[in-house]
Amino acid sequence: MSPIRQLKEVFFLAKNPPKGPGRRGAVKGRSQFTGPGGHSVKRDASTGRILDMKADLKPFKGVRREK
């Protein structure tokens, strides 16, 4: 029996993630708006506290936008 075959029987090998979206639906409790310079800024919906700002000009994925 080959050494690789023995490893497969003893250890679980790493697998690729499933195909398709990693998230189902929107992120809850968060919103985003366009901040200075056109960067997206993420905000906590309940407290209004600013959590994060994107370095590029693309919006956050799955986070609702404020109007």
N, C-alpha and C. Protein backbone atom coordinates (compact mmCIF):
# COMPACT_ATOMS: atom_id res chain seq x y z
N MET A 1 0.85 -1.18 0.00
CA MET A 1 0.00 0.00 0.00
C MET A 1 0.89 1.24 0.00
N SER A 2 0.54 2.24 -0.81
CA SER A 2 1.37 3.43 -0.91
C SER A 2 1.21 4.32 0.32
N PRO A 3 2.22 5.16 0.62
CA PRO A 3 2.13 6.04 1.79
C PRO A 3 0.97 7.04 1.71
N ILE A 4 0.65 7.51 0.50
CA ILE A 4 -0.45 8.47 0.36
C ILE A 4 -1.77 7.78 0.66
N ARG A 5 -1.92 6.57 0.22
CA ARG A 5 -3.15 5.81 0.48
C ARG A 5 -3.33 5.62 1.98
N GLN A 6 -2.23 5.35 2.69
CA GLN A 6 -2.31 5.19 4.14
C GLN A 6 -2.72 6.49 4.81
N LEU A 7 -2.22 7.64 4.32
CA LEU A 7 -2.58 8.94 4.90
C LEU A 7 -4.06 9.24 4.73
N LYS A 8 -4.61 8.88 3.59
CA LYS A 8 -6.03 9.13 3.34
C LYS A 8 -6.91 8.34 4.31
N GLU A 9 -6.46 7.19 4.69
CA GLU A 9 -7.26 6.38 5.59
C GLU A 9 -7.18 6.88 7.03
N VAL A 10 -6.08 7.52 7.39
CA VAL A 10 -5.88 7.96 8.77
C VAL A 10 -6.34 9.40 8.98
N PHE A 11 -5.99 10.31 8.06
CA PHE A 11 -6.28 11.72 8.21
C PHE A 11 -7.33 12.18 7.21
N PHE A 12 -8.06 13.22 7.57
CA PHE A 12 -8.96 13.85 6.63
C PHE A 12 -8.17 14.90 5.86
N LEU A 13 -8.16 14.81 4.55
CA LEU A 13 -7.42 15.75 3.74
C LEU A 13 -8.25 17.00 3.50
N ALA A 14 -7.58 18.10 3.23
CA ALA A 14 -8.26 19.37 2.98
C ALA A 14 -9.11 19.28 1.72
N LYS A 15 -10.24 19.97 1.73
CA LYS A 15 -11.14 19.97 0.58
C LYS A 15 -11.41 21.40 0.16
N ASN A 16 -11.79 21.57 -1.09
CA ASN A 16 -12.19 22.88 -1.57
C ASN A 16 -13.59 23.20 -1.03
N PRO A 17 -13.89 24.48 -0.83
CA PRO A 17 -15.22 24.83 -0.34
C PRO A 17 -16.28 24.52 -1.39
N PRO A 18 -17.54 24.44 -0.99
CA PRO A 18 -18.59 24.13 -1.96
C PRO A 18 -18.74 25.24 -2.99
N LYS A 19 -19.17 24.87 -4.17
CA LYS A 19 -19.37 25.85 -5.22
C LYS A 19 -20.62 26.68 -4.91
N GLY A 20 -20.63 27.92 -5.36
CA GLY A 20 -21.79 28.79 -5.14
C GLY A 20 -21.51 29.81 -4.07
N PRO A 21 -22.54 30.54 -3.66
CA PRO A 21 -22.35 31.62 -2.69
C PRO A 21 -21.97 31.09 -1.31
N GLY A 22 -21.08 31.79 -0.65
CA GLY A 22 -20.66 31.40 0.68
C GLY A 22 -21.64 31.88 1.73
N ARG A 23 -22.43 32.87 1.41
CA ARG A 23 -23.39 33.45 2.35
C ARG A 23 -24.78 33.34 1.73
N ARG A 24 -25.76 33.05 2.53
CA ARG A 24 -27.14 33.01 2.06
C ARG A 24 -27.87 34.22 2.62
N GLY A 25 -28.19 35.18 1.76
CA GLY A 25 -28.89 36.38 2.20
C GLY A 25 -27.94 37.46 2.65
N ALA A 26 -28.51 38.52 3.20
CA ALA A 26 -27.74 39.69 3.60
C ALA A 26 -27.13 39.51 4.99
N VAL A 27 -26.10 40.30 5.27
CA VAL A 27 -25.50 40.36 6.60
C VAL A 27 -26.46 41.15 7.48
N LYS A 28 -26.81 40.62 8.64
CA LYS A 28 -27.80 41.28 9.50
C LYS A 28 -27.11 42.22 10.47
N GLY A 29 -27.79 43.32 10.78
CA GLY A 29 -27.29 44.26 11.76
C GLY A 29 -26.20 45.18 11.25
N ARG A 30 -26.04 45.26 9.94
CA ARG A 30 -25.00 46.11 9.34
C ARG A 30 -25.60 46.90 8.19
N SER A 31 -25.06 48.07 7.93
CA SER A 31 -25.42 48.85 6.75
C SER A 31 -24.15 49.54 6.27
N GLN A 32 -24.20 50.05 5.05
CA GLN A 32 -23.03 50.73 4.51
C GLN A 32 -23.47 52.00 3.80
N PHE A 33 -22.55 52.94 3.77
CA PHE A 33 -22.78 54.19 3.05
C PHE A 33 -21.47 54.59 2.39
N THR A 34 -21.56 55.55 1.48
CA THR A 34 -20.37 56.03 0.79
C THR A 34 -19.74 57.14 1.61
N GLY A 35 -18.49 56.94 2.00
CA GLY A 35 -17.79 57.90 2.83
C GLY A 35 -16.92 58.83 2.00
N PRO A 36 -15.97 59.47 2.64
CA PRO A 36 -15.10 60.41 1.95
C PRO A 36 -14.27 59.73 0.87
N GLY A 37 -14.20 60.36 -0.26
CA GLY A 37 -13.41 59.82 -1.36
C GLY A 37 -14.08 58.68 -2.10
N GLY A 38 -15.36 58.41 -1.81
CA GLY A 38 -16.08 57.36 -2.50
C GLY A 38 -15.89 55.97 -1.93
N HIS A 39 -15.22 55.85 -0.79
CA HIS A 39 -15.00 54.54 -0.16
C HIS A 39 -16.24 54.13 0.61
N SER A 40 -16.55 52.82 0.61
CA SER A 40 -17.69 52.30 1.36
C SER A 40 -17.31 52.17 2.82
N VAL A 41 -18.22 52.59 3.69
CA VAL A 41 -18.01 52.54 5.14
C VAL A 41 -19.11 51.67 5.73
N LYS A 42 -18.73 50.69 6.58
CA LYS A 42 -19.70 49.79 7.20
C LYS A 42 -20.06 50.31 8.58
N ARG A 43 -21.38 50.27 8.90
CA ARG A 43 -21.86 50.81 10.17
C ARG A 43 -22.74 49.78 10.86
N ASP A 44 -22.67 49.73 12.19
CA ASP A 44 -23.56 48.88 12.98
C ASP A 44 -24.94 49.51 12.99
N ALA A 45 -25.96 48.75 12.65
CA ALA A 45 -27.30 49.31 12.50
C ALA A 45 -27.92 49.71 13.83
N SER A 46 -27.61 49.03 14.91
CA SER A 46 -28.25 49.34 16.19
C SER A 46 -27.58 50.51 16.92
N THR A 47 -26.26 50.57 16.90
CA THR A 47 -25.56 51.63 17.65
C THR A 47 -25.12 52.79 16.77
N GLY A 48 -25.01 52.57 15.45
CA GLY A 48 -24.53 53.61 14.55
C GLY A 48 -23.02 53.74 14.52
N ARG A 49 -22.33 52.85 15.22
CA ARG A 49 -20.88 52.89 15.30
C ARG A 49 -20.26 52.45 13.97
N ILE A 50 -19.24 53.16 13.51
CA ILE A 50 -18.56 52.81 12.27
C ILE A 50 -17.60 51.66 12.55
N LEU A 51 -17.71 50.61 11.73
CA LEU A 51 -16.94 49.40 11.96
C LEU A 51 -15.73 49.26 11.06
N ASP A 52 -15.89 49.61 9.77
CA ASP A 52 -14.83 49.32 8.82
C ASP A 52 -14.99 50.22 7.60
N MET A 53 -13.86 50.45 6.91
CA MET A 53 -13.89 51.21 5.66
C MET A 53 -13.06 50.46 4.64
N LYS A 54 -13.60 50.34 3.42
CA LYS A 54 -12.91 49.61 2.36
C LYS A 54 -11.76 50.44 1.81
N ALA A 55 -10.68 49.77 1.47
CA ALA A 55 -9.52 50.44 0.87
C ALA A 55 -9.77 50.75 -0.60
N ASP A 56 -10.51 49.84 -1.28
CA ASP A 56 -10.83 50.10 -2.69
C ASP A 56 -12.21 50.77 -2.77
N LEU A 57 -12.66 51.06 -3.96
CA LEU A 57 -13.91 51.78 -4.15
C LEU A 57 -15.12 50.85 -4.32
N LYS A 58 -14.92 49.55 -4.20
CA LYS A 58 -16.03 48.61 -4.33
C LYS A 58 -16.82 48.54 -3.03
N PRO A 59 -18.16 48.32 -3.10
CA PRO A 59 -18.95 48.19 -1.87
C PRO A 59 -18.74 46.84 -1.19
N PHE A 60 -19.12 46.76 0.09
CA PHE A 60 -19.07 45.50 0.83
C PHE A 60 -20.09 44.55 0.22
N LYS A 61 -19.78 43.25 0.22
CA LYS A 61 -20.70 42.25 -0.31
C LYS A 61 -21.71 41.86 0.76
N GLY A 62 -22.97 41.82 0.38
CA GLY A 62 -24.01 41.32 1.27
C GLY A 62 -24.45 42.27 2.36
N VAL A 63 -23.95 43.51 2.37
CA VAL A 63 -24.33 44.49 3.39
C VAL A 63 -25.25 45.50 2.73
N ARG A 64 -26.42 45.76 3.37
CA ARG A 64 -27.38 46.67 2.75
C ARG A 64 -26.84 48.08 2.75
N ARG A 65 -27.33 48.86 1.78
CA ARG A 65 -26.86 50.23 1.60
C ARG A 65 -27.84 51.21 2.21
N GLU A 66 -27.31 52.23 2.86
CA GLU A 66 -28.16 53.29 3.40
C GLU A 66 -28.55 54.24 2.27
N LYS A 67 -29.71 54.84 2.41
CA LYS A 67 -30.16 55.79 1.39
C LYS A 67 -29.99 57.22 1.87
